[in-house]
Amino acid sequence: MLIKIQLSCMMFLQFFIWGGWFVTLGTFLGNNLSATGGQIAMAFSTQSWGAIIAPVFIGLIADRYFNAEKILGVLHLLGCGLLLLMSQTNDFSVFYLYVFSYMLLYMPTLALVNSVSFNQMNDTASEFPIIRTFGTIGWIISGVVISYVFSWDTQESITSGALSNTFKMVALASLILGALSFTLPKTPPYGNDKKNFSLKSVLGWDALKLLKDRNFLLFFVASVLICIPLAFYYQQANPFLVELGMNNPTAKMALGQVSEVLFMLLLPTFFIRFGFKKTILVGMMAWVIRYLLFAYGDVGEKTYMLIIGILLHGICYDFFFVSGQIYTDFKAGEKVKSAAQGLITLATYGVGMLVGFWIAGKVSDAFIIQSGQHDWDAIWKFPALFALVVFLLFLLIFKNEKINFQNKP
């Protein structure tokens, strides 16, 4: 029981830290640092660079030479210092250096907290989802604290620079998690067998042969492309809600994570009953509907449209990305399962999101109607149309196939 409590606290803090500054990053940069859409895109893209570099770091260093819990502690303690520096700068070029360095430290910790958790579990399938749910709760609580406890995301607070306090809040959480990590159960390195180690396997290149399969190739391309609309949500949603004058926008965005938990519970039933193709098509169409709701919603009589758009996050994310992970596991089989998941992660959170953040920045800059104001109708219609094109291509080209988990290829 003690170990489960430790792991739950670890996961809670891990995602409390991320959600506590990443959600409001675009709003902070636009107001505190007067950053352009292109500069905001650069800051968000540090997540993608971290995702690209993290597998190399984990494979070459963490998995081979150090206990996971110790390196987790070191990374979060270093991250604490960078978060404090991020809260104190008013120069974007300096801020970018700090946030880039921070994401190089943070993104590897996502794999490390999983390693620490898995090492303590006998039945991962039944035990891990419960532990991981505390991470989602941590993300939700961070938004509630920002909006309802401290009110840092009100128009007056944003104008006075209060959003810089989010970095101080998560810096404290990072300090606590860093110290807590050294008390976690020992998780020794996995990669002591250097003969079986290869950089290609770490990067997922061993799974490239799966792209010879027409269906998997189409899914792979669709996964990269759908990350472009996803990037719009991460980068633009909070500044959009703040600009429209929504009360407690950060806490309301946390409703998306509540939705994510609920639809995660529904996903297995939907997946088994309707199959992979229909499940992933529902996920794609949810992106189209969400952005149209954002385009035509407002903070008056149509506020419900914005709330529904936020609540669709569970379908958008779970029905596409989680079902995609299940499909990848099925297509890969035991020999290249880990490599295949690494390849998809590298392609989506790495390449796909990197391109998506860049496009989102360009589009937002193109539709500035006056200082600090955007033509949000036009901005949101772009990812809606883009997601619709991906939906139609997948609908017409992808051949439905039955997934039998008892008979993997």
Protein backbone atom coordinates (compact mmCIF):
# COMPACT_ATOMS: atom_id res chain seq x y z
CA MET A 1 0.00 0.00 0.00
CA LEU A 2 2.84 2.42 0.87
CA ILE A 3 4.44 1.85 -2.52
CA LYS A 4 1.16 2.57 -4.32
CA ILE A 5 0.78 5.80 -2.35
CA GLN A 6 4.33 6.80 -3.29
CA LEU A 7 3.73 6.05 -6.97
CA SER A 8 0.41 7.90 -6.94
CA CYS A 9 2.05 10.99 -5.40
CA MET A 10 4.86 10.77 -7.95
CA MET A 11 2.40 10.65 -10.86
CA PHE A 12 0.23 13.42 -9.39
CA LEU A 13 3.20 15.80 -9.06
CA GLN A 14 4.62 14.82 -12.46
CA PHE A 15 1.54 16.06 -14.31
CA PHE A 16 0.67 18.84 -11.86
CA ILE A 17 4.01 20.34 -12.85
CA TRP A 18 3.36 20.06 -16.58
CA GLY A 19 -0.25 21.25 -16.50
CA GLY A 20 0.56 24.06 -14.09
CA TRP A 21 2.53 26.10 -16.63
CA PHE A 22 2.07 24.57 -20.08
CA VAL A 23 -1.67 25.30 -20.39
CA THR A 24 -1.25 29.03 -19.78
CA LEU A 25 2.11 29.36 -21.58
CA GLY A 26 0.66 31.01 -24.69
CA THR A 27 -1.26 33.54 -22.61
CA PHE A 28 1.80 34.27 -20.46
CA LEU A 29 4.08 34.83 -23.45
CA GLY A 30 1.61 37.00 -25.34
CA ASN A 31 0.92 39.26 -22.37
CA ASN A 32 4.09 39.24 -20.23
CA LEU A 33 6.70 39.04 -22.99
CA SER A 34 4.67 40.50 -25.91
CA ALA A 35 5.62 37.45 -27.94
CA THR A 36 4.42 37.01 -31.52
CA GLY A 37 2.57 33.90 -32.69
CA GLY A 38 5.81 32.64 -34.23
CA GLN A 39 7.71 33.11 -30.97
CA ILE A 40 4.96 31.36 -29.00
CA ALA A 41 5.18 28.49 -31.48
CA MET A 42 8.93 28.29 -30.86
CA ALA A 43 8.34 28.01 -27.12
CA PHE A 44 5.73 25.27 -27.52
CA SER A 45 7.92 23.38 -29.98
CA THR A 46 10.47 22.80 -27.22
CA GLN A 47 8.13 19.99 -26.13
CA SER A 48 8.68 18.35 -29.52
CA TRP A 49 12.44 18.73 -29.37
CA GLY A 50 12.35 17.21 -25.91
CA ALA A 51 10.26 14.30 -27.24
CA ILE A 52 12.77 13.73 -30.04
CA ILE A 53 15.81 13.82 -27.78
CA ALA A 54 14.28 12.02 -24.76
CA PRO A 55 14.43 8.47 -26.24
CA VAL A 56 18.14 8.93 -26.93
CA PHE A 57 18.73 10.16 -23.39
CA ILE A 58 16.77 7.28 -21.85
CA GLY A 59 18.35 4.67 -24.07
CA LEU A 60 21.95 5.86 -23.91
CA ILE A 61 22.15 7.00 -20.29
CA ALA A 62 19.20 6.39 -17.97
CA ASP A 63 18.36 2.82 -18.96
CA ARG A 64 22.00 1.69 -18.99
CA TYR A 65 23.83 3.24 -16.08
CA PHE A 66 21.56 4.77 -13.41
CA ASN A 67 18.59 3.87 -11.25
CA ALA A 68 15.50 5.48 -12.76
CA GLU A 69 14.30 7.01 -9.47
CA LYS A 70 17.66 8.73 -8.88
CA ILE A 71 17.92 10.32 -12.29
CA LEU A 72 14.24 11.32 -11.99
CA GLY A 73 15.11 13.18 -8.79
CA VAL A 74 18.13 14.93 -10.31
CA LEU A 75 16.17 16.05 -13.39
CA HIS A 76 13.33 17.53 -11.34
CA LEU A 77 15.69 19.33 -8.98
CA LEU A 78 17.47 20.90 -11.95
CA GLY A 79 14.09 21.67 -13.48
CA CYS A 80 13.07 23.53 -10.32
CA GLY A 81 15.87 26.03 -10.87
CA LEU A 82 14.97 26.57 -14.53
CA LEU A 83 11.30 27.11 -13.70
CA LEU A 84 12.27 29.85 -11.24
CA LEU A 85 14.43 31.50 -13.89
CA MET A 86 11.52 31.31 -16.38
CA SER A 87 9.32 33.22 -13.90
CA GLN A 88 11.78 36.10 -13.64
CA THR A 89 12.64 36.95 -17.26
CA ASN A 90 10.96 39.53 -19.50
CA ASP A 91 13.11 38.80 -22.55
CA PHE A 92 11.78 36.13 -24.93
CA SER A 93 15.22 35.10 -26.20
CA VAL A 94 16.34 34.41 -22.63
CA PHE A 95 13.04 32.70 -21.79
CA TYR A 96 13.37 30.45 -24.85
CA LEU A 97 16.81 29.30 -23.70
CA TYR A 98 15.37 28.41 -20.29
CA VAL A 99 12.26 26.64 -21.59
CA PHE A 100 14.27 24.70 -24.19
CA SER A 101 16.67 23.53 -21.49
CA TYR A 102 13.77 22.67 -19.20
CA MET A 103 11.94 20.52 -21.74
CA LEU A 104 15.15 18.62 -22.45
CA LEU A 105 15.09 17.73 -18.74
CA TYR A 106 11.34 17.19 -18.35
CA MET A 107 10.41 15.03 -21.33
CA PRO A 108 12.68 12.12 -20.28
CA THR A 109 10.94 12.08 -16.88
CA LEU A 110 7.70 10.96 -18.57
CA ALA A 111 9.36 7.65 -19.44
CA LEU A 112 11.14 7.47 -16.09
CA VAL A 113 7.95 7.69 -13.98
CA ASN A 114 6.51 4.86 -16.09
CA SER A 115 9.65 2.76 -15.55
CA VAL A 116 9.51 3.28 -11.78
CA SER A 117 5.83 2.33 -11.78
CA PHE A 118 6.12 -0.74 -14.00
CA ASN A 119 9.02 -2.09 -11.95
CA GLN A 120 6.75 -2.33 -8.89
CA MET A 121 3.79 -4.02 -10.57
CA ASN A 122 2.87 -7.65 -11.03
CA ASP A 123 -0.19 -6.94 -13.20
CA THR A 124 0.54 -3.80 -15.21
CA ALA A 125 -2.74 -3.89 -17.16
CA SER A 126 -4.86 -3.62 -14.03
CA GLU A 127 -2.54 -1.67 -11.71
CA PHE A 128 -1.01 1.03 -13.94
CA PRO A 129 -4.23 2.76 -15.13
CA ILE A 130 -5.15 3.53 -11.52
CA ILE A 131 -1.72 5.00 -10.79
CA ARG A 132 -1.70 6.93 -14.10
CA THR A 133 -5.12 8.43 -13.32
CA PHE A 134 -3.50 10.37 -10.47
CA GLY A 135 -1.40 12.10 -13.13
CA THR A 136 -4.53 13.31 -14.89
CA ILE A 137 -5.93 14.42 -11.52
CA GLY A 138 -2.73 16.39 -10.95
CA TRP A 139 -3.19 18.19 -14.30
CA ILE A 140 -6.81 18.99 -13.39
CA ILE A 141 -5.93 20.27 -9.91
CA SER A 142 -3.26 22.58 -11.34
CA GLY A 143 -5.90 24.31 -13.47
CA VAL A 144 -8.31 24.58 -10.53
CA VAL A 145 -5.60 26.10 -8.34
CA ILE A 146 -4.65 28.67 -10.99
CA SER A 147 -8.26 29.73 -11.62
CA TYR A 148 -10.16 29.27 -8.38
CA VAL A 149 -7.54 29.43 -5.62
CA PHE A 150 -5.25 32.21 -6.85
CA SER A 151 -7.24 33.69 -9.80
CA TRP A 152 -4.04 34.20 -11.79
CA ASP A 153 -5.87 33.91 -15.12
CA THR A 154 -8.32 36.80 -14.70
CA GLN A 155 -7.88 39.78 -17.03
CA GLU A 156 -6.64 42.00 -14.19
CA SER A 157 -4.18 39.40 -12.89
CA ILE A 158 -2.82 38.68 -16.37
CA THR A 159 -2.31 42.39 -16.99
CA SER A 160 -0.39 42.70 -13.71
CA GLY A 161 1.86 39.77 -14.66
CA ALA A 162 0.46 37.28 -12.14
CA LEU A 163 0.81 34.33 -14.53
CA SER A 164 4.53 34.30 -13.77
CA ASN A 165 3.50 32.81 -10.42
CA THR A 166 2.54 29.58 -12.18
CA PHE A 167 6.22 28.87 -12.75
CA LYS A 168 6.98 29.47 -9.07
CA MET A 169 4.13 27.15 -8.07
CA VAL A 170 5.37 24.28 -10.22
CA ALA A 171 8.97 24.98 -9.25
CA LEU A 172 7.95 24.18 -5.66
CA ALA A 173 6.19 21.02 -6.88
CA SER A 174 9.30 20.08 -8.85
CA LEU A 175 11.43 20.54 -5.73
CA ILE A 176 9.08 18.28 -3.76
CA LEU A 177 9.03 15.61 -6.49
CA GLY A 178 12.80 15.80 -6.83
CA ALA A 179 13.23 15.09 -3.13
CA LEU A 180 10.47 12.46 -3.13
CA SER A 181 12.11 10.61 -6.01
CA PHE A 182 15.07 9.57 -3.88
CA THR A 183 12.68 7.78 -1.51
CA LEU A 184 10.95 5.82 -4.30
CA PRO A 185 11.52 2.05 -4.68
CA LYS A 186 14.78 1.19 -6.38
CA THR A 187 14.49 0.82 -10.15
CA PRO A 188 17.84 -0.50 -11.46
CA PRO A 189 18.96 0.14 -15.06
CA TYR A 190 17.61 -2.23 -17.68
CA GLY A 191 20.23 -1.88 -20.37
CA ASN A 192 23.25 -3.64 -18.92
CA ASP A 193 23.44 -6.03 -21.88
CA LYS A 194 25.37 -3.79 -24.25
CA LYS A 195 25.52 -6.46 -26.95
CA ASN A 196 21.76 -6.21 -27.44
CA PHE A 197 21.71 -2.43 -27.33
CA SER A 198 21.42 -0.35 -30.49
CA LEU A 199 20.59 3.28 -31.13
CA LYS A 200 18.24 2.16 -33.90
CA SER A 201 16.08 0.23 -31.43
CA VAL A 202 16.04 3.20 -29.04
CA LEU A 203 14.73 5.51 -31.78
CA GLY A 204 12.21 2.95 -32.98
CA TRP A 205 13.93 2.40 -36.31
CA ASP A 206 13.64 -1.36 -35.92
CA ALA A 207 9.91 -0.85 -36.48
CA LEU A 208 10.30 0.92 -39.82
CA LYS A 209 9.61 -2.37 -41.59
CA LEU A 210 6.01 -2.05 -40.36
CA LEU A 211 5.59 0.81 -42.85
CA LYS A 212 5.60 -1.79 -45.63
CA ASP A 213 2.11 -2.65 -44.43
CA ARG A 214 -0.25 -0.34 -46.38
CA ASN A 215 -2.70 0.08 -43.53
CA PHE A 216 -0.04 0.83 -40.95
CA LEU A 217 1.64 3.31 -43.30
CA LEU A 218 -1.64 5.18 -43.72
CA PHE A 219 -2.23 5.16 -39.96
CA PHE A 220 1.33 6.42 -39.42
CA VAL A 221 0.86 9.33 -41.85
CA ALA A 222 -2.56 10.15 -40.37
CA SER A 223 -1.05 10.18 -36.86
CA VAL A 224 1.54 12.74 -37.91
CA LEU A 225 -1.01 14.90 -39.75
CA ILE A 226 -3.63 14.88 -36.95
CA CYS A 227 -0.98 16.28 -34.58
CA ILE A 228 -1.21 19.56 -36.51
CA PRO A 229 -4.78 20.25 -35.29
CA LEU A 230 -3.74 18.96 -31.85
CA ALA A 231 -0.98 21.58 -31.70
CA PHE A 232 -3.55 24.33 -32.29
CA TYR A 233 -5.41 23.28 -29.15
CA TYR A 234 -2.36 23.18 -26.89
CA GLN A 235 -0.98 26.45 -28.20
CA GLN A 236 -4.06 28.57 -28.85
CA ALA A 237 -6.93 27.40 -26.63
CA ASN A 238 -6.00 29.27 -23.43
CA PRO A 239 -5.13 32.59 -25.14
CA PHE A 240 -8.40 32.22 -27.12
CA LEU A 241 -10.55 31.78 -24.02
CA VAL A 242 -8.76 34.58 -22.19
CA GLU A 243 -9.13 36.95 -25.13
CA LEU A 244 -12.86 36.20 -25.30
CA GLY A 245 -13.14 37.04 -21.61
CA MET A 246 -14.17 33.64 -20.24
CA ASN A 247 -14.10 33.42 -16.45
CA ASN A 248 -11.65 30.89 -14.97
CA PRO A 249 -10.48 29.65 -18.39
CA THR A 250 -7.67 27.44 -17.07
CA ALA A 251 -9.95 25.54 -14.71
CA LYS A 252 -12.56 25.15 -17.46
CA MET A 253 -9.89 23.71 -19.76
CA ALA A 254 -9.22 21.09 -17.08
CA LEU A 255 -12.66 19.71 -17.92
CA GLY A 256 -10.92 18.22 -20.94
CA GLN A 257 -8.85 16.01 -18.65
CA VAL A 258 -11.99 14.98 -16.74
CA SER A 259 -13.47 13.98 -20.10
CA GLU A 260 -10.26 12.12 -20.92
CA VAL A 261 -10.64 9.91 -17.84
CA LEU A 262 -14.30 9.14 -18.60
CA PHE A 263 -13.78 8.28 -22.24
CA MET A 264 -10.74 6.18 -21.37
CA LEU A 265 -13.14 3.93 -19.46
CA LEU A 266 -15.49 3.75 -22.47
CA LEU A 267 -12.76 3.18 -25.05
CA PRO A 268 -12.28 -0.60 -24.60
CA THR A 269 -16.00 -1.28 -25.09
CA PHE A 270 -16.23 1.00 -28.12
CA PHE A 271 -13.03 -0.43 -29.60
CA ILE A 272 -14.15 -4.05 -29.27
CA ARG A 273 -17.68 -3.40 -30.53
CA PHE A 274 -16.99 -1.12 -33.49
CA GLY A 275 -13.38 -1.89 -34.41
CA PHE A 276 -10.29 0.22 -34.92
CA LYS A 277 -11.27 2.10 -38.08
CA LYS A 278 -14.59 3.41 -36.75
CA THR A 279 -13.02 4.28 -33.40
CA ILE A 280 -10.24 6.33 -34.91
CA LEU A 281 -12.64 8.01 -37.36
CA VAL A 282 -14.78 9.12 -34.42
CA GLY A 283 -11.64 10.58 -32.85
CA MET A 284 -10.80 12.48 -36.05
CA MET A 285 -14.32 13.82 -36.49
CA ALA A 286 -14.28 15.03 -32.87
CA TRP A 287 -11.40 17.35 -33.82
CA VAL A 288 -13.47 18.80 -36.68
CA ILE A 289 -16.50 19.38 -34.46
CA ARG A 290 -14.43 20.81 -31.60
CA TYR A 291 -12.81 23.50 -33.74
CA LEU A 292 -16.08 24.45 -35.43
CA LEU A 293 -17.58 24.89 -31.96
CA PHE A 294 -14.64 27.14 -31.06
CA ALA A 295 -15.06 29.11 -34.31
CA TYR A 296 -18.75 29.87 -33.74
CA GLY A 297 -18.94 29.90 -29.92
CA ASP A 298 -18.67 32.94 -27.65
CA VAL A 299 -18.80 33.84 -23.95
CA GLY A 300 -22.42 34.96 -24.19
CA GLU A 301 -25.34 32.83 -25.27
CA LYS A 302 -23.03 30.38 -27.03
CA THR A 303 -20.71 29.64 -24.11
CA TYR A 304 -22.04 26.08 -24.12
CA MET A 305 -20.36 25.58 -27.51
CA LEU A 306 -16.96 26.38 -26.00
CA ILE A 307 -17.57 24.06 -23.05
CA ILE A 308 -18.64 21.20 -25.34
CA GLY A 309 -15.52 21.82 -27.43
CA ILE A 310 -13.38 21.46 -24.32
CA LEU A 311 -15.23 18.33 -23.19
CA LEU A 312 -14.60 16.70 -26.57
CA HIS A 313 -10.94 16.41 -25.57
CA GLY A 314 -11.55 12.91 -24.19
CA ILE A 315 -12.83 11.65 -27.55
CA CYS A 316 -10.23 13.62 -29.52
CA TYR A 317 -7.33 12.20 -27.56
CA ASP A 318 -8.45 8.76 -26.36
CA PHE A 319 -10.25 7.58 -29.48
CA PHE A 320 -7.34 8.54 -31.74
CA PHE A 321 -4.09 8.38 -29.82
CA VAL A 322 -4.83 5.67 -27.27
CA SER A 323 -6.58 3.44 -29.82
CA GLY A 324 -3.62 4.11 -32.11
CA GLN A 325 -1.24 2.80 -29.44
CA ILE A 326 -3.37 -0.35 -29.17
CA TYR A 327 -3.31 -0.78 -32.95
CA THR A 328 0.45 -0.26 -33.07
CA ASP A 329 0.94 -2.89 -30.36
CA PHE A 330 -1.18 -5.34 -32.39
CA LYS A 331 0.63 -4.72 -35.70
CA ALA A 332 4.11 -4.84 -34.19
CA GLY A 333 3.98 -8.08 -32.22
CA GLU A 334 6.32 -8.92 -29.37
CA LYS A 335 9.67 -8.51 -31.16
CA VAL A 336 9.40 -4.84 -32.11
CA LYS A 337 6.58 -3.74 -29.81
CA SER A 338 8.68 -1.24 -27.85
CA ALA A 339 10.40 0.02 -30.99
CA ALA A 340 7.04 0.55 -32.70
CA GLN A 341 5.66 2.59 -29.80
CA GLY A 342 8.88 4.62 -29.80
CA LEU A 343 8.51 5.26 -33.52
CA ILE A 344 4.92 6.48 -33.18
CA THR A 345 5.81 8.72 -30.23
CA LEU A 346 8.76 10.19 -32.13
CA ALA A 347 6.61 10.80 -35.20
CA THR A 348 3.65 12.35 -33.37
CA TYR A 349 4.89 14.26 -30.33
CA GLY A 350 8.20 14.87 -32.08
CA VAL A 351 7.80 15.61 -35.79
CA GLY A 352 4.00 16.05 -36.01
CA MET A 353 3.69 18.44 -33.09
CA LEU A 354 6.81 20.34 -34.16
CA VAL A 355 5.24 21.07 -37.56
CA GLY A 356 1.86 21.72 -35.93
CA PHE A 357 3.18 24.35 -33.51
CA TRP A 358 4.97 26.12 -36.37
CA ILE A 359 1.81 26.20 -38.51
CA ALA A 360 -0.34 27.32 -35.56
CA GLY A 361 2.04 30.22 -34.95
CA LYS A 362 1.96 31.28 -38.60
CA VAL A 363 -1.84 31.08 -38.78
CA SER A 364 -2.36 33.06 -35.57
CA ASP A 365 0.00 35.81 -36.80
CA ALA A 366 -1.82 35.92 -40.14
CA PHE A 367 -5.17 36.66 -38.49
CA ILE A 368 -4.28 39.46 -36.09
CA ILE A 369 -6.95 42.13 -36.60
CA GLN A 370 -5.51 44.64 -34.13
CA SER A 371 -3.01 44.75 -31.29
CA GLY A 372 -3.72 41.81 -28.97
CA GLN A 373 -6.85 40.74 -30.88
CA HIS A 374 -7.30 37.85 -33.34
CA ASP A 375 -9.85 36.70 -35.88
CA TRP A 376 -10.49 33.48 -34.00
CA ASP A 377 -13.24 32.32 -36.39
CA ALA A 378 -10.70 32.10 -39.19
CA ILE A 379 -7.98 30.63 -36.99
CA TRP A 380 -10.12 27.72 -35.75
CA LYS A 381 -11.56 26.94 -39.18
CA PHE A 382 -8.08 26.07 -40.43
CA PRO A 383 -7.46 23.06 -38.11
CA ALA A 384 -11.13 22.04 -38.54
CA LEU A 385 -10.73 21.85 -42.32
CA PHE A 386 -7.35 20.15 -41.98
CA ALA A 387 -8.76 17.48 -39.65
CA LEU A 388 -11.69 16.94 -42.05
CA VAL A 389 -9.29 16.27 -44.94
CA VAL A 390 -7.37 13.72 -42.84
CA PHE A 391 -10.71 12.13 -41.84
CA LEU A 392 -11.84 11.75 -45.47
CA LEU A 393 -8.51 10.31 -46.62
CA PHE A 394 -8.53 7.75 -43.82
CA LEU A 395 -12.19 6.89 -44.44
CA LEU A 396 -11.63 6.27 -48.15
CA ILE A 397 -8.20 4.62 -48.17
CA PHE A 398 -7.82 2.66 -44.92
CA LYS A 399 -9.09 -0.91 -45.23
CA ASN A 400 -10.91 -2.18 -42.18
CA GLU A 401 -9.24 -5.10 -40.44
CA LYS A 402 -10.22 -7.19 -37.47
CA ILE A 403 -7.83 -7.01 -34.54
CA ASN A 404 -7.43 -10.30 -32.72
CA PHE A 405 -5.18 -9.82 -29.69
CA GLN A 406 -4.80 -13.56 -29.25
CA ASN A 407 -3.22 -13.89 -32.66
CA LYS A 408 -0.78 -11.08 -33.16
CA PRO A 409 1.34 -11.00 -36.31
